[in-house]
Amino acid sequence: MFKCCFTIRVWNFIFDWLGWQFSTLSWDDLETVNQWWIASEDWPGYCRKAVNSLQMLICWEIWNERNARVFRNKASLPSRVAASIKDEAKTWVVVGARL
């Protein structure tokens, strides 16, 4: 997850969309998802529950893209996956989630 160019591009699209100033460059030092999850707890100024939910949504959509590629031989661009994440996040907000 931390070395995949496709995944990093999706995350960067989402960070840009949200105006978050995080860098995926710091992921080079991470080896496990647990390390990444703990490191993300230091993101100041954001509701922890909202950040956790968004992280899970992004991972879920990337996982779905991986499955589409492996099992259905269908591939999307990182921008398309990011658009799907944005649409889903907006739906969550409409039904009451807060970012």
N, C-alpha and C. Protein backbone atom coordinates (compact mmCIF):
# COMPACT_ATOMS: atom_id res chain seq x y z
N MET A 1 0.82 -1.19 0.00
CA MET A 1 0.00 0.00 0.00
C MET A 1 0.86 1.25 0.00
N PHE A 2 2.00 1.21 0.65
CA PHE A 2 2.80 2.42 0.84
C PHE A 2 3.80 2.64 -0.29
N LYS A 3 3.94 1.68 -1.16
CA LYS A 3 4.91 1.80 -2.26
C LYS A 3 4.23 1.81 -3.63
N CYS A 4 2.93 1.61 -3.65
CA CYS A 4 2.18 1.51 -4.90
C CYS A 4 1.89 2.90 -5.47
N CYS A 5 2.38 3.18 -6.66
CA CYS A 5 2.19 4.49 -7.29
C CYS A 5 0.71 4.81 -7.49
N PHE A 6 -0.08 3.81 -7.89
CA PHE A 6 -1.50 4.01 -8.10
C PHE A 6 -2.18 4.46 -6.80
N THR A 7 -1.91 3.73 -5.73
CA THR A 7 -2.51 4.04 -4.43
C THR A 7 -2.10 5.43 -3.96
N ILE A 8 -0.85 5.76 -4.09
CA ILE A 8 -0.36 7.07 -3.66
C ILE A 8 -1.03 8.18 -4.46
N ARG A 9 -1.24 7.96 -5.75
CA ARG A 9 -1.92 8.97 -6.57
C ARG A 9 -3.36 9.17 -6.10
N VAL A 10 -4.05 8.08 -5.76
CA VAL A 10 -5.43 8.20 -5.27
C VAL A 10 -5.44 9.01 -3.98
N TRP A 11 -4.56 8.66 -3.03
CA TRP A 11 -4.50 9.40 -1.77
C TRP A 11 -4.19 10.87 -2.01
N ASN A 12 -3.28 11.17 -2.91
CA ASN A 12 -2.93 12.57 -3.19
C ASN A 12 -4.11 13.33 -3.81
N PHE A 13 -4.89 12.67 -4.68
CA PHE A 13 -6.09 13.30 -5.22
C PHE A 13 -7.05 13.68 -4.09
N ILE A 14 -7.22 12.78 -3.13
CA ILE A 14 -8.15 13.03 -2.02
C ILE A 14 -7.60 14.13 -1.11
N PHE A 15 -6.31 14.08 -0.80
CA PHE A 15 -5.72 15.14 0.03
C PHE A 15 -5.89 16.50 -0.64
N ASP A 16 -5.65 16.58 -1.94
CA ASP A 16 -5.82 17.83 -2.67
C ASP A 16 -7.28 18.30 -2.62
N TRP A 17 -8.21 17.38 -2.83
CA TRP A 17 -9.64 17.70 -2.79
C TRP A 17 -10.05 18.28 -1.44
N LEU A 18 -9.50 17.72 -0.37
CA LEU A 18 -9.85 18.18 0.98
C LEU A 18 -9.02 19.39 1.43
N GLY A 19 -7.98 19.70 0.66
CA GLY A 19 -7.10 20.80 1.04
C GLY A 19 -6.19 20.44 2.20
N TRP A 20 -5.97 19.15 2.39
CA TRP A 20 -5.11 18.69 3.49
C TRP A 20 -3.67 18.73 3.03
N GLN A 21 -2.80 19.17 3.91
CA GLN A 21 -1.39 19.33 3.59
C GLN A 21 -0.56 18.15 4.08
N PHE A 22 -0.98 16.96 3.75
CA PHE A 22 -0.23 15.77 4.14
C PHE A 22 0.58 15.28 2.96
N SER A 23 1.67 14.66 3.25
CA SER A 23 2.54 14.16 2.19
C SER A 23 2.63 12.65 2.26
N THR A 24 2.39 12.01 1.13
CA THR A 24 2.56 10.57 1.07
C THR A 24 4.04 10.21 0.99
N LEU A 25 4.92 11.21 0.85
CA LEU A 25 6.36 10.93 0.83
C LEU A 25 6.81 10.34 2.15
N SER A 26 6.17 10.73 3.24
CA SER A 26 6.55 10.21 4.55
C SER A 26 6.20 8.74 4.70
N TRP A 27 5.42 8.19 3.78
CA TRP A 27 5.05 6.79 3.85
C TRP A 27 6.21 5.86 3.54
N ASP A 28 7.28 6.39 2.99
CA ASP A 28 8.43 5.54 2.67
C ASP A 28 8.99 4.84 3.89
N ASP A 29 8.81 5.43 5.07
CA ASP A 29 9.33 4.85 6.29
C ASP A 29 8.39 3.83 6.92
N LEU A 30 7.18 3.71 6.41
CA LEU A 30 6.19 2.82 7.00
C LEU A 30 6.25 1.43 6.38
N GLU A 31 6.05 0.44 7.22
CA GLU A 31 6.08 -0.93 6.74
C GLU A 31 4.77 -1.66 6.97
N THR A 32 3.96 -1.20 7.92
CA THR A 32 2.71 -1.89 8.22
C THR A 32 1.55 -0.90 8.25
N VAL A 33 0.36 -1.42 8.07
CA VAL A 33 -0.84 -0.59 8.16
C VAL A 33 -0.99 -0.06 9.58
N ASN A 34 -0.62 -0.84 10.56
CA ASN A 34 -0.70 -0.38 11.96
C ASN A 34 0.18 0.86 12.17
N GLN A 35 1.38 0.86 11.64
CA GLN A 35 2.25 2.04 11.75
C GLN A 35 1.60 3.25 11.10
N TRP A 36 1.01 3.05 9.93
CA TRP A 36 0.35 4.12 9.22
C TRP A 36 -0.84 4.66 10.01
N TRP A 37 -1.64 3.75 10.57
CA TRP A 37 -2.82 4.15 11.34
C TRP A 37 -2.42 4.99 12.55
N ILE A 38 -1.39 4.56 13.26
CA ILE A 38 -0.91 5.30 14.43
C ILE A 38 -0.35 6.65 14.02
N ALA A 39 0.40 6.69 12.92
CA ALA A 39 0.97 7.96 12.44
C ALA A 39 -0.13 8.95 12.05
N SER A 40 -1.24 8.45 11.56
CA SER A 40 -2.31 9.35 11.13
C SER A 40 -3.04 9.97 12.32
N GLU A 41 -2.83 9.45 13.51
CA GLU A 41 -3.46 10.03 14.70
C GLU A 41 -2.90 11.42 15.01
N ASP A 42 -1.76 11.75 14.43
CA ASP A 42 -1.13 13.05 14.66
C ASP A 42 -1.65 14.14 13.74
N TRP A 43 -2.61 13.83 12.86
CA TRP A 43 -3.14 14.84 11.97
C TRP A 43 -3.96 15.81 12.79
N PRO A 44 -3.47 17.01 13.03
CA PRO A 44 -4.16 17.96 13.92
C PRO A 44 -5.37 18.62 13.26
N GLY A 45 -6.33 18.98 14.09
CA GLY A 45 -7.44 19.78 13.62
C GLY A 45 -8.56 19.04 12.94
N TYR A 46 -8.53 17.73 12.94
CA TYR A 46 -9.57 16.96 12.27
C TYR A 46 -10.22 16.01 13.26
N CYS A 47 -11.52 15.83 13.09
CA CYS A 47 -12.27 14.90 13.92
C CYS A 47 -11.74 13.49 13.69
N ARG A 48 -11.26 12.87 14.75
CA ARG A 48 -10.65 11.54 14.63
C ARG A 48 -11.60 10.53 14.00
N LYS A 49 -12.86 10.55 14.40
CA LYS A 49 -13.83 9.60 13.86
C LYS A 49 -14.01 9.81 12.36
N ALA A 50 -14.08 11.06 11.93
CA ALA A 50 -14.24 11.36 10.51
C ALA A 50 -13.02 10.92 9.71
N VAL A 51 -11.84 11.19 10.24
CA VAL A 51 -10.60 10.80 9.56
C VAL A 51 -10.53 9.28 9.44
N ASN A 52 -10.86 8.57 10.52
CA ASN A 52 -10.84 7.11 10.48
C ASN A 52 -11.82 6.58 9.43
N SER A 53 -13.02 7.15 9.40
CA SER A 53 -14.02 6.71 8.42
C SER A 53 -13.54 6.96 7.00
N LEU A 54 -12.97 8.13 6.77
CA LEU A 54 -12.47 8.45 5.44
C LEU A 54 -11.32 7.52 5.04
N GLN A 55 -10.43 7.24 5.97
CA GLN A 55 -9.33 6.32 5.67
C GLN A 55 -9.86 4.95 5.28
N MET A 56 -10.85 4.48 6.01
CA MET A 56 -11.42 3.17 5.69
C MET A 56 -12.12 3.19 4.34
N LEU A 57 -12.82 4.28 4.01
CA LEU A 57 -13.48 4.40 2.71
C LEU A 57 -12.45 4.37 1.58
N ILE A 58 -11.38 5.11 1.74
CA ILE A 58 -10.34 5.14 0.70
C ILE A 58 -9.73 3.76 0.51
N CYS A 59 -9.40 3.11 1.61
CA CYS A 59 -8.83 1.75 1.51
C CYS A 59 -9.81 0.79 0.85
N TRP A 60 -11.09 0.91 1.19
CA TRP A 60 -12.12 0.05 0.61
C TRP A 60 -12.21 0.25 -0.90
N GLU A 61 -12.21 1.49 -1.35
CA GLU A 61 -12.31 1.76 -2.78
C GLU A 61 -11.06 1.29 -3.53
N ILE A 62 -9.91 1.45 -2.92
CA ILE A 62 -8.67 0.96 -3.55
C ILE A 62 -8.70 -0.57 -3.62
N TRP A 63 -9.20 -1.21 -2.57
CA TRP A 63 -9.33 -2.67 -2.56
C TRP A 63 -10.29 -3.12 -3.66
N ASN A 64 -11.41 -2.41 -3.82
CA ASN A 64 -12.36 -2.75 -4.88
C ASN A 64 -11.72 -2.61 -6.25
N GLU A 65 -10.91 -1.58 -6.43
CA GLU A 65 -10.20 -1.40 -7.71
C GLU A 65 -9.23 -2.55 -7.95
N ARG A 66 -8.54 -2.94 -6.91
CA ARG A 66 -7.61 -4.07 -7.03
C ARG A 66 -8.37 -5.33 -7.46
N ASN A 67 -9.51 -5.59 -6.83
CA ASN A 67 -10.30 -6.77 -7.19
C ASN A 67 -10.82 -6.69 -8.62
N ALA A 68 -11.23 -5.51 -9.06
CA ALA A 68 -11.69 -5.35 -10.44
C ALA A 68 -10.56 -5.67 -11.42
N ARG A 69 -9.37 -5.26 -11.09
CA ARG A 69 -8.22 -5.54 -11.96
C ARG A 69 -7.87 -7.02 -11.98
N VAL A 70 -7.86 -7.63 -10.82
CA VAL A 70 -7.43 -9.03 -10.72
C VAL A 70 -8.50 -10.00 -11.22
N PHE A 71 -9.74 -9.78 -10.82
CA PHE A 71 -10.77 -10.78 -11.08
C PHE A 71 -11.65 -10.48 -12.29
N ARG A 72 -11.75 -9.22 -12.71
CA ARG A 72 -12.61 -8.88 -13.85
C ARG A 72 -11.84 -8.26 -15.01
N ASN A 73 -10.53 -8.13 -14.83
CA ASN A 73 -9.67 -7.57 -15.87
C ASN A 73 -10.14 -6.18 -16.32
N LYS A 74 -10.60 -5.38 -15.34
CA LYS A 74 -11.05 -4.02 -15.61
C LYS A 74 -10.22 -3.07 -14.74
N ALA A 75 -9.73 -2.01 -15.37
CA ALA A 75 -8.90 -1.06 -14.64
C ALA A 75 -9.44 0.36 -14.80
N SER A 76 -9.37 1.11 -13.72
CA SER A 76 -9.75 2.52 -13.73
C SER A 76 -8.53 3.37 -13.46
N LEU A 77 -8.60 4.62 -13.87
CA LEU A 77 -7.54 5.57 -13.56
C LEU A 77 -7.63 5.99 -12.10
N PRO A 78 -6.52 6.43 -11.50
CA PRO A 78 -6.57 6.91 -10.12
C PRO A 78 -7.59 8.03 -9.93
N SER A 79 -7.74 8.89 -10.93
CA SER A 79 -8.71 9.98 -10.83
C SER A 79 -10.13 9.46 -10.76
N ARG A 80 -10.42 8.36 -11.43
CA ARG A 80 -11.76 7.75 -11.39
C ARG A 80 -12.03 7.15 -10.02
N VAL A 81 -11.04 6.49 -9.44
CA VAL A 81 -11.19 5.93 -8.10
C VAL A 81 -11.39 7.06 -7.09
N ALA A 82 -10.63 8.13 -7.24
CA ALA A 82 -10.78 9.28 -6.35
C ALA A 82 -12.17 9.89 -6.50
N ALA A 83 -12.69 9.97 -7.71
CA ALA A 83 -14.04 10.50 -7.93
C ALA A 83 -15.07 9.63 -7.24
N SER A 84 -14.88 8.34 -7.28
CA SER A 84 -15.79 7.42 -6.60
C SER A 84 -15.76 7.64 -5.09
N ILE A 85 -14.57 7.85 -4.55
CA ILE A 85 -14.41 8.13 -3.12
C ILE A 85 -15.12 9.43 -2.76
N LYS A 86 -14.93 10.45 -3.57
CA LYS A 86 -15.57 11.74 -3.32
C LYS A 86 -17.09 11.61 -3.32
N ASP A 87 -17.61 10.89 -4.30
CA ASP A 87 -19.06 10.70 -4.39
C ASP A 87 -19.60 9.98 -3.16
N GLU A 88 -18.91 8.95 -2.75
CA GLU A 88 -19.35 8.19 -1.57
C GLU A 88 -19.25 9.04 -0.31
N ALA A 89 -18.18 9.80 -0.17
CA ALA A 89 -18.02 10.66 1.01
C ALA A 89 -19.12 11.72 1.05
N LYS A 90 -19.46 12.28 -0.10
CA LYS A 90 -20.54 13.27 -0.16
C LYS A 90 -21.87 12.64 0.24
N THR A 91 -22.09 11.41 -0.17
CA THR A 91 -23.31 10.70 0.23
C THR A 91 -23.34 10.51 1.74
N TRP A 92 -22.21 10.17 2.32
CA TRP A 92 -22.15 10.00 3.78
C TRP A 92 -22.51 11.30 4.47
N VAL A 93 -22.02 12.43 3.96
CA VAL A 93 -22.31 13.73 4.56
C VAL A 93 -23.81 14.04 4.45
N VAL A 94 -24.40 13.72 3.30
CA VAL A 94 -25.84 13.97 3.12
C VAL A 94 -26.67 13.22 4.16
N VAL A 95 -26.23 12.01 4.51
CA VAL A 95 -27.01 11.22 5.48
C VAL A 95 -26.59 11.47 6.91
N GLY A 96 -25.71 12.45 7.13
CA GLY A 96 -25.44 12.88 8.49
C GLY A 96 -24.02 12.74 9.02
N ALA A 97 -23.13 12.19 8.24
CA ALA A 97 -21.73 12.09 8.71
C ALA A 97 -21.10 13.48 8.69
N ARG A 98 -20.17 13.71 9.61
CA ARG A 98 -19.49 15.01 9.66
C ARG A 98 -18.00 14.81 9.43
N LEU A 99 -17.43 15.66 8.57
CA LEU A 99 -15.98 15.61 8.33
C LEU A 99 -15.29 16.68 9.12
